[in-house]
């Protein structure tokens, strides 16, 4: 979804980003402490995911939201990111 959150110009546009539904995430690794989703968020997040999927069609591509450190501490988040990016 483009979503109800206004962009930098203050414009909110409901509806899908063209082709996003045809481009599922190709990320297959488990996400420590996380959960998979079919939606990267609102416009900017979904746009970034779609562009990455189009730019790197043979790579594992996903989208990770990082929460505030007050919710999940720095060390925990650092361990999660390291687990996700380490070579298999």
Protein backbone atom coordinates (compact mmCIF):
# COMPACT_ATOMS: atom_id res chain seq x y z
CA UNK A 1 0.00 0.00 0.00
CA UNK A 2 1.06 3.53 -0.57
CA UNK A 3 -0.86 4.20 2.61
CA UNK A 4 -2.55 6.96 4.57
CA UNK A 5 0.69 8.57 5.84
CA UNK A 6 1.49 11.78 3.91
CA UNK A 7 4.71 11.92 1.87
CA UNK A 8 7.25 14.75 2.08
CA UNK A 9 4.88 16.99 0.09
CA UNK A 10 2.06 16.31 2.56
CA UNK A 11 0.13 14.15 0.08
CA UNK A 12 -1.44 10.87 1.20
CA UNK A 13 -2.25 8.41 -1.58
CA UNK A 14 -4.27 5.26 -0.92
CA UNK A 15 -3.74 2.23 -3.11
CA UNK A 16 -1.01 -0.21 -4.06
CA UNK A 17 2.41 0.49 -5.51
CA UNK A 18 2.28 -0.88 -9.05
CA UNK A 19 3.50 -4.46 -9.20
CA UNK A 20 4.33 -4.83 -5.50
CA UNK A 21 1.90 -7.70 -5.13
CA UNK A 22 3.73 -9.50 -7.93
CA UNK A 23 7.09 -9.19 -6.16
CA UNK A 24 7.11 -11.15 -2.89
CA UNK A 25 10.11 -10.86 -0.61
CA UNK A 26 12.81 -13.38 -1.46
CA UNK A 27 14.25 -13.42 2.07
CA UNK A 28 14.21 -17.01 3.35
CA UNK A 29 16.27 -16.86 6.54
CA UNK A 30 14.55 -16.98 9.92
CA UNK A 31 14.35 -13.62 11.65
CA UNK A 32 15.54 -13.99 15.27
CA UNK A 33 12.90 -12.51 17.54
CA UNK A 34 10.93 -11.27 14.54
CA UNK A 35 8.06 -12.35 12.39
CA UNK A 36 7.56 -12.39 8.64
CA UNK A 37 5.01 -10.11 7.04
CA UNK A 38 3.64 -9.60 3.54
CA UNK A 39 3.77 -5.82 4.01
CA UNK A 40 6.88 -3.67 4.56
CA UNK A 41 4.80 -0.82 5.99
CA UNK A 42 3.67 2.34 4.28
CA UNK A 43 4.81 4.06 1.10
CA UNK A 44 8.53 4.61 1.64
CA UNK A 45 9.16 1.16 3.12
CA UNK A 46 7.17 -0.65 0.42
CA UNK A 47 8.81 1.43 -2.30
CA UNK A 48 12.30 0.62 -0.96
CA UNK A 49 11.45 -3.10 -0.85
CA UNK A 50 10.07 -3.05 -4.39
CA UNK A 51 13.10 -1.20 -5.77
CA UNK A 52 15.47 -3.65 -4.06
CA UNK A 53 13.56 -6.63 -5.46
CA UNK A 54 13.70 -5.17 -8.97
CA UNK A 55 17.35 -4.15 -8.69
CA UNK A 56 18.60 -7.46 -7.24
CA UNK A 57 16.38 -10.16 -8.78
CA UNK A 58 18.74 -13.03 -7.91
CA UNK A 59 19.47 -11.97 -4.32
CA UNK A 60 17.69 -12.66 -1.06
CA UNK A 61 15.80 -9.42 -0.45
CA UNK A 62 13.72 -8.47 2.55
CA UNK A 63 12.87 -5.45 4.66
CA UNK A 64 13.65 -5.04 8.35
CA UNK A 65 12.03 -2.44 10.59
CA UNK A 66 14.26 -1.43 13.48
CA UNK A 67 12.32 -0.56 16.62
CA UNK A 68 13.34 2.09 19.17
CA UNK A 69 16.06 0.98 21.58
CA UNK A 70 13.65 1.68 24.45
CA UNK A 71 11.54 -1.23 23.15
CA UNK A 72 14.32 -3.64 22.17
CA UNK A 73 17.81 -2.77 23.37
CA UNK A 74 20.81 -1.99 21.20
CA UNK A 75 22.69 -5.21 21.98
CA UNK A 76 19.66 -7.37 21.14
CA UNK A 77 19.09 -5.52 17.85
CA UNK A 78 22.79 -5.72 16.98
CA UNK A 79 22.73 -9.50 17.53
CA UNK A 80 19.65 -9.82 15.31
CA UNK A 81 21.21 -7.82 12.47
CA UNK A 82 24.45 -9.78 12.72
CA UNK A 83 22.53 -13.07 12.54
CA UNK A 84 20.71 -11.84 9.45
CA UNK A 85 23.73 -10.67 7.49
CA UNK A 86 26.30 -13.36 8.37
CA UNK A 87 27.15 -15.59 5.43
CA UNK A 88 25.50 -18.98 5.54
